[in-house]
């Protein structure tokens, strides 16, 4: 474990100050870690020993991706057991846990408003005394008809009060339209809640200067940004690995003190996966890392 590593017991309740995260005594905080893949497919890599291995590499956050459709929560309520176990294991390791309502092909968050309200009411009650839990209320709103003003912002305005009623000070991450890329649009019409951050998602082989410019513009308008999902591949999870382009992105994130989670801690046969196919569940080692996994885990040790 690196000397610079600090987790929940050190930082405590996090707070958004200006555009950055600070901890319970005002110290600057940058979270870095991995995201699971869909919990309905790869729960074995969101368990105690697997999460611990990311911590030993330098991670102080783990994102739990609970898909809503595609065999996820909406049709398979049993997945919540794996989600809660993953959150509990992450907290046990003194790391911050992101509970991710992972909409994707159900592109409009309003389409499952009732289910989201019930879920976030229940999960925030369950973890109301846990300063290490962060809530990501909509993964990647997308589609030409889904806009910030008509869809995503009204959804957030309905969901966030349920979280705030149970966990008044928790960090809430809000997805942006266009696959969590239009952070500048959100920044121009922000939510009126404390401790809100807007999610930026990028894949190094597809997204470059144009998206970084949008992010910089959002920051200049006062929007706190959290890169809750990024990959070393192209946007479809394949191609690459684009290490030079990833370096440019990570330097940009470091410059602006932006926290991040890499996609994904799984052995899926795609270049964005951190593990090679057939990696052993819950007990993988460096020999099981893909090229992407080797790169990302080597970048986790710069935690502030």
Protein backbone atom coordinates (compact mmCIF):
# COMPACT_ATOMS: atom_id res chain seq x y z
CA UNK A 1 0.00 0.00 0.00
CA UNK A 2 1.36 3.43 -0.92
CA UNK A 3 2.11 6.02 1.74
CA UNK A 4 -0.07 8.64 0.05
CA UNK A 5 -3.22 6.48 0.17
CA UNK A 6 -6.13 7.93 2.11
CA UNK A 7 -9.67 6.63 2.39
CA UNK A 8 -12.96 7.29 4.14
CA UNK A 9 -11.57 7.10 7.68
CA UNK A 10 -9.13 9.90 6.82
CA UNK A 11 -11.26 12.13 4.61
CA UNK A 12 -14.73 11.44 6.07
CA UNK A 13 -17.71 13.27 4.56
CA UNK A 14 -16.82 14.82 1.24
CA UNK A 15 -18.08 18.20 0.10
CA UNK A 16 -18.13 20.12 -3.16
CA UNK A 17 -16.33 23.41 -2.77
CA UNK A 18 -16.29 25.62 -5.87
CA UNK A 19 -15.53 23.00 -8.57
CA UNK A 20 -13.54 20.54 -6.46
CA UNK A 21 -13.97 17.94 -3.75
CA UNK A 22 -12.75 18.67 -0.23
CA UNK A 23 -12.88 16.52 2.87
CA UNK A 24 -14.19 17.02 6.40
CA UNK A 25 -11.36 19.39 7.36
CA UNK A 26 -11.07 21.20 4.03
CA UNK A 27 -8.30 19.16 2.41
CA UNK A 28 -8.41 18.73 -1.38
CA UNK A 29 -9.53 15.26 -2.47
CA UNK A 30 -9.16 13.44 -5.77
CA UNK A 31 -10.71 9.99 -6.03
CA UNK A 32 -9.32 7.44 -8.46
CA UNK A 33 -10.40 3.88 -9.00
CA UNK A 34 -12.14 1.28 -11.11
CA UNK A 35 -15.71 0.74 -12.21
CA UNK A 36 -17.28 -2.69 -12.28
CA UNK A 37 -18.91 -3.86 -15.47
CA UNK A 38 -22.61 -4.80 -15.29
CA UNK A 39 -23.34 -6.46 -11.98
CA UNK A 40 -25.72 -8.91 -13.66
CA UNK A 41 -22.79 -10.25 -15.70
CA UNK A 42 -19.57 -9.76 -13.72
CA UNK A 43 -20.35 -9.68 -9.98
CA UNK A 44 -17.34 -11.91 -9.27
CA UNK A 45 -15.00 -8.97 -9.89
CA UNK A 46 -16.89 -6.71 -7.47
CA UNK A 47 -16.13 -8.77 -4.39
CA UNK A 48 -13.91 -8.38 -1.39
CA UNK A 49 -10.51 -9.59 -2.63
CA UNK A 50 -10.92 -8.11 -6.10
CA UNK A 51 -11.75 -4.66 -4.73
CA UNK A 52 -8.87 -4.98 -2.24
CA UNK A 53 -6.44 -5.57 -5.11
CA UNK A 54 -7.44 -2.24 -6.65
CA UNK A 55 -6.93 -0.58 -3.28
CA UNK A 56 -3.44 -2.05 -3.04
CA UNK A 57 -2.71 -0.52 -6.45
CA UNK A 58 -3.78 2.89 -5.12
CA UNK A 59 -7.54 3.15 -5.66
CA UNK A 60 -9.69 4.85 -3.03
CA UNK A 61 -13.01 4.58 -4.86
CA UNK A 62 -14.94 1.74 -6.53
CA UNK A 63 -17.96 2.25 -8.80
CA UNK A 64 -20.70 -0.37 -8.81
CA UNK A 65 -22.47 -0.35 -12.19
CA UNK A 66 -26.04 -1.59 -11.68
CA UNK A 67 -27.57 -1.76 -15.15
CA UNK A 68 -31.27 -1.01 -15.17
CA UNK A 69 -32.14 -2.90 -18.36
CA UNK A 70 -30.29 -5.68 -20.26
CA UNK A 71 -31.06 -8.22 -17.56
CA UNK A 72 -30.29 -5.73 -14.81
CA UNK A 73 -32.26 -4.36 -11.88
CA UNK A 74 -35.60 -3.69 -13.58
CA UNK A 75 -36.11 -7.35 -14.54
CA UNK A 76 -33.78 -8.98 -12.02
CA UNK A 77 -34.23 -7.52 -8.54
CA UNK A 78 -31.85 -10.15 -7.14
CA UNK A 79 -28.94 -8.12 -8.53
CA UNK A 80 -29.37 -5.72 -5.60
CA UNK A 81 -27.83 -8.35 -3.33
CA UNK A 82 -24.60 -8.24 -5.31
CA UNK A 83 -24.72 -4.44 -5.40
CA UNK A 84 -25.08 -4.15 -1.62
CA UNK A 85 -22.36 -6.71 -1.05
CA UNK A 86 -20.04 -4.75 -3.36
CA UNK A 87 -20.80 -1.50 -1.53
CA UNK A 88 -20.23 -3.15 1.84
CA UNK A 89 -16.95 -4.71 0.71
CA UNK A 90 -15.77 -1.37 -0.66
CA UNK A 91 -16.60 0.42 2.59
CA UNK A 92 -14.91 -2.36 4.58
CA UNK A 93 -11.72 -1.55 2.68
CA UNK A 94 -12.05 2.13 3.71
CA UNK A 95 -12.82 3.16 0.11
CA UNK A 96 -15.58 5.35 -1.31
CA UNK A 97 -18.35 3.45 -3.12
CA UNK A 98 -20.35 4.85 -6.05
CA UNK A 99 -23.81 3.35 -6.51
CA UNK A 100 -24.47 3.76 -10.24
CA UNK A 101 -28.03 3.64 -11.69
CA UNK A 102 -26.66 2.51 -15.04
CA UNK A 103 -29.14 3.56 -17.71
CA UNK A 104 -27.93 2.89 -21.24
CA UNK A 105 -30.36 1.77 -23.94
CA UNK A 106 -33.19 3.01 -21.72
CA UNK A 107 -31.80 6.35 -22.77
CA UNK A 108 -34.25 8.70 -21.03
CA UNK A 109 -33.96 8.69 -17.22
CA UNK A 110 -37.60 9.77 -16.97
CA UNK A 111 -38.68 6.41 -18.42
CA UNK A 112 -38.04 4.67 -15.11
CA UNK A 113 -38.68 7.53 -12.72
CA UNK A 114 -40.84 5.52 -10.30
CA UNK A 115 -38.35 2.68 -10.04
CA UNK A 116 -35.44 5.10 -9.59
CA UNK A 117 -37.29 6.97 -6.84
CA UNK A 118 -37.96 3.77 -4.91
CA UNK A 119 -34.41 2.51 -5.40
CA UNK A 120 -32.66 5.70 -4.30
CA UNK A 121 -35.03 6.20 -1.38
CA UNK A 122 -34.26 2.68 -0.15
CA UNK A 123 -30.53 2.64 -0.81
CA UNK A 124 -29.96 6.06 0.76
CA UNK A 125 -31.91 4.95 3.85
CA UNK A 126 -29.76 1.84 4.04
CA UNK A 127 -26.52 3.86 3.89
CA UNK A 128 -27.71 7.05 5.57
CA UNK A 129 -24.92 6.88 8.14
CA UNK A 130 -22.16 5.99 5.66
CA UNK A 131 -20.02 8.96 4.57
CA UNK A 132 -18.34 6.75 1.98
CA UNK A 133 -21.36 6.25 -0.30
CA UNK A 134 -21.77 8.39 -3.42
CA UNK A 135 -24.92 8.24 -5.56
CA UNK A 136 -24.79 8.35 -9.38
CA UNK A 137 -28.39 8.80 -10.41
CA UNK A 138 -28.24 8.31 -14.22
CA UNK A 139 -25.30 6.84 -16.06
CA UNK A 140 -25.46 8.08 -19.66
CA UNK A 141 -28.60 9.88 -20.85
CA UNK A 142 -28.58 9.67 -24.62
CA UNK A 143 -30.62 10.03 -27.80
CA UNK A 144 -31.53 13.03 -29.93
CA UNK A 145 -34.80 13.59 -28.07
CA UNK A 146 -33.24 13.52 -24.58
CA UNK A 147 -32.18 16.98 -23.41
CA UNK A 148 -30.97 18.50 -20.18
CA UNK A 149 -33.88 20.88 -19.71
CA UNK A 150 -36.70 18.52 -20.69
CA UNK A 151 -35.50 15.17 -19.39
CA UNK A 152 -32.38 14.95 -17.26
CA UNK A 153 -32.73 18.05 -15.08
CA UNK A 154 -36.42 17.34 -14.21
CA UNK A 155 -35.45 13.76 -13.35
CA UNK A 156 -32.64 14.95 -11.08
CA UNK A 157 -34.92 17.49 -9.41
CA UNK A 158 -37.30 14.65 -8.49
CA UNK A 159 -34.73 12.04 -7.42
CA UNK A 160 -32.21 14.11 -5.44
CA UNK A 161 -34.69 15.16 -2.70
CA UNK A 162 -35.27 11.50 -1.82
CA UNK A 163 -31.54 11.04 -1.32
CA UNK A 164 -31.24 14.31 0.56
CA UNK A 165 -34.08 13.35 2.90
CA UNK A 166 -32.07 10.34 4.08
CA UNK A 167 -28.50 11.43 3.47
CA UNK A 168 -28.41 15.24 3.52
CA UNK A 169 -24.71 15.71 2.83
CA UNK A 170 -23.82 12.94 0.38
CA UNK A 171 -22.22 13.59 -3.00
CA UNK A 172 -24.64 13.06 -5.90
CA UNK A 173 -23.35 12.53 -9.44
CA UNK A 174 -25.65 13.55 -12.29
CA UNK A 175 -25.25 12.28 -15.83
CA UNK A 176 -25.31 14.69 -18.76
CA UNK A 177 -27.00 14.31 -22.15
CA UNK A 178 -25.15 12.84 -25.12
CA UNK A 179 -23.62 9.94 -23.18
CA UNK A 180 -22.45 12.21 -20.34
CA UNK A 181 -20.53 14.52 -22.63
CA UNK A 182 -22.60 17.73 -22.65
CA UNK A 183 -21.28 18.99 -19.33
CA UNK A 184 -21.20 22.53 -20.66
CA UNK A 185 -24.97 22.48 -21.24
CA UNK A 186 -25.54 21.38 -17.65
CA UNK A 187 -23.13 24.03 -16.40
CA UNK A 188 -25.16 26.74 -18.14
CA UNK A 189 -28.34 25.64 -16.34
CA UNK A 190 -27.17 24.05 -13.08
CA UNK A 191 -29.14 22.21 -10.43
CA UNK A 192 -29.82 24.16 -7.26
CA UNK A 193 -28.59 21.59 -4.75
CA UNK A 194 -25.39 21.42 -2.73
CA UNK A 195 -22.80 18.70 -3.25
CA UNK A 196 -23.76 17.97 -6.86
CA UNK A 197 -21.23 16.98 -9.53
CA UNK A 198 -21.78 16.42 -13.24
CA UNK A 199 -20.36 13.31 -14.89
CA UNK A 200 -17.98 13.39 -17.83
CA UNK A 201 -17.54 10.11 -19.73
CA UNK A 202 -14.88 9.61 -22.38
CA UNK A 203 -12.98 6.95 -24.28
CA UNK A 204 -9.47 7.89 -25.28
CA UNK A 205 -9.65 6.40 -28.77
CA UNK A 206 -12.79 8.36 -29.68
CA UNK A 207 -12.90 11.56 -27.64
CA UNK A 208 -10.23 14.23 -27.63
CA UNK A 209 -9.74 17.98 -27.73
CA UNK A 210 -13.35 18.82 -28.51
CA UNK A 211 -14.66 17.08 -25.41
CA UNK A 212 -11.86 18.44 -23.24
CA UNK A 213 -12.84 21.93 -24.43
CA UNK A 214 -16.45 21.30 -23.39
CA UNK A 215 -15.24 20.13 -19.99
CA UNK A 216 -12.98 23.15 -19.56
CA UNK A 217 -15.86 25.45 -20.50
CA UNK A 218 -18.08 23.77 -17.89
CA UNK A 219 -15.43 24.20 -15.21
CA UNK A 220 -15.01 27.86 -16.11
CA UNK A 221 -18.79 28.26 -15.62
CA UNK A 222 -18.45 26.76 -12.14
CA UNK A 223 -19.56 23.16 -12.73
CA UNK A 224 -17.92 20.48 -10.56
CA UNK A 225 -16.97 17.55 -12.81
CA UNK A 226 -16.42 13.86 -11.96
CA UNK A 227 -15.20 11.49 -14.70
CA UNK A 228 -17.13 8.51 -13.38
CA UNK A 229 -16.40 6.42 -16.48
CA UNK A 230 -13.54 6.49 -18.95
CA UNK A 231 -11.74 3.92 -21.06
CA UNK A 232 -8.43 3.44 -22.84
CA UNK A 233 -10.26 2.07 -25.90
CA UNK A 234 -12.64 3.48 -28.48
CA UNK A 235 -16.17 4.26 -27.31
CA UNK A 236 -17.45 0.78 -28.19
CA UNK A 237 -15.00 -0.79 -25.72
CA UNK A 238 -12.64 -2.05 -28.42
CA UNK A 239 -9.75 -0.73 -30.47
CA UNK A 240 -6.45 0.44 -29.14
CA UNK A 241 -5.29 0.41 -26.41
CA UNK A 242 -4.78 4.20 -26.89
CA UNK A 243 -2.13 4.90 -24.27
CA UNK A 244 -0.80 8.22 -25.62
CA UNK A 245 -4.33 9.59 -25.84
CA UNK A 246 -5.05 8.25 -22.35
CA UNK A 247 -1.98 10.09 -21.05
CA UNK A 248 -3.33 13.36 -22.47
CA UNK A 249 -6.67 12.78 -20.77
CA UNK A 250 -5.20 11.83 -17.39
CA UNK A 251 -2.91 14.86 -17.45
CA UNK A 252 -5.99 17.00 -18.15
CA UNK A 253 -7.91 15.42 -15.26
CA UNK A 254 -4.96 15.86 -12.91
CA UNK A 255 -4.54 19.49 -13.90
CA UNK A 256 -8.17 20.20 -13.01
CA UNK A 257 -8.27 17.91 -9.93
CA UNK A 258 -11.00 15.76 -11.49
CA UNK A 259 -11.76 12.41 -9.88
CA UNK A 260 -12.16 9.34 -12.08
CA UNK A 261 -13.18 5.69 -12.42
CA UNK A 262 -11.90 3.51 -15.25
CA UNK A 263 -14.13 1.15 -17.22
CA UNK A 264 -13.97 -1.69 -16.38
CA UNK A 265 -12.87 -4.29 -13.84
CA UNK A 266 -13.98 -7.35 -15.78
CA UNK A 267 -12.57 -10.14 -17.95
CA UNK A 268 -14.79 -9.30 -20.91
CA UNK A 269 -13.16 -9.93 -24.27
CA UNK A 270 -12.69 -6.27 -25.17
CA UNK A 271 -9.72 -3.94 -24.95
CA UNK A 272 -11.27 -1.65 -22.31
CA UNK A 273 -11.44 -4.55 -19.82
CA UNK A 274 -8.76 -4.46 -17.15
CA UNK A 275 -8.53 -8.26 -16.92
CA UNK A 276 -7.70 -10.91 -19.45
CA UNK A 277 -10.42 -13.42 -20.39
CA UNK A 278 -10.81 -16.21 -17.85
CA UNK A 279 -9.16 -14.25 -15.05
CA UNK A 280 -9.94 -15.98 -11.75
CA UNK A 281 -12.85 -14.43 -9.84
CA UNK A 282 -12.01 -12.50 -6.71
CA UNK A 283 -8.36 -13.53 -6.65
CA UNK A 284 -6.71 -12.16 -9.77
CA UNK A 285 -3.14 -10.90 -9.78
CA UNK A 286 -0.94 -8.74 -12.02
CA UNK A 287 -0.48 -11.68 -14.40
CA UNK A 288 -4.20 -11.49 -15.22
CA UNK A 289 -4.09 -7.83 -16.26
CA UNK A 290 -4.75 -6.76 -19.83
CA UNK A 291 -2.69 -4.01 -21.43
CA UNK A 292 -5.37 -1.55 -20.34
CA UNK A 293 -5.40 -2.96 -16.82
CA UNK A 294 -1.62 -2.70 -16.52
CA UNK A 295 -1.74 0.91 -17.63
CA UNK A 296 -4.66 1.98 -15.42
CA UNK A 297 -3.48 0.29 -12.25
CA UNK A 298 -0.10 1.94 -12.70
CA UNK A 299 -1.89 5.32 -12.72
CA UNK A 300 -3.81 4.80 -9.49
CA UNK A 301 -0.92 5.62 -7.19
CA UNK A 302 -1.08 9.41 -7.57
CA UNK A 303 -3.99 9.89 -5.16
CA UNK A 304 -4.18 13.21 -3.35
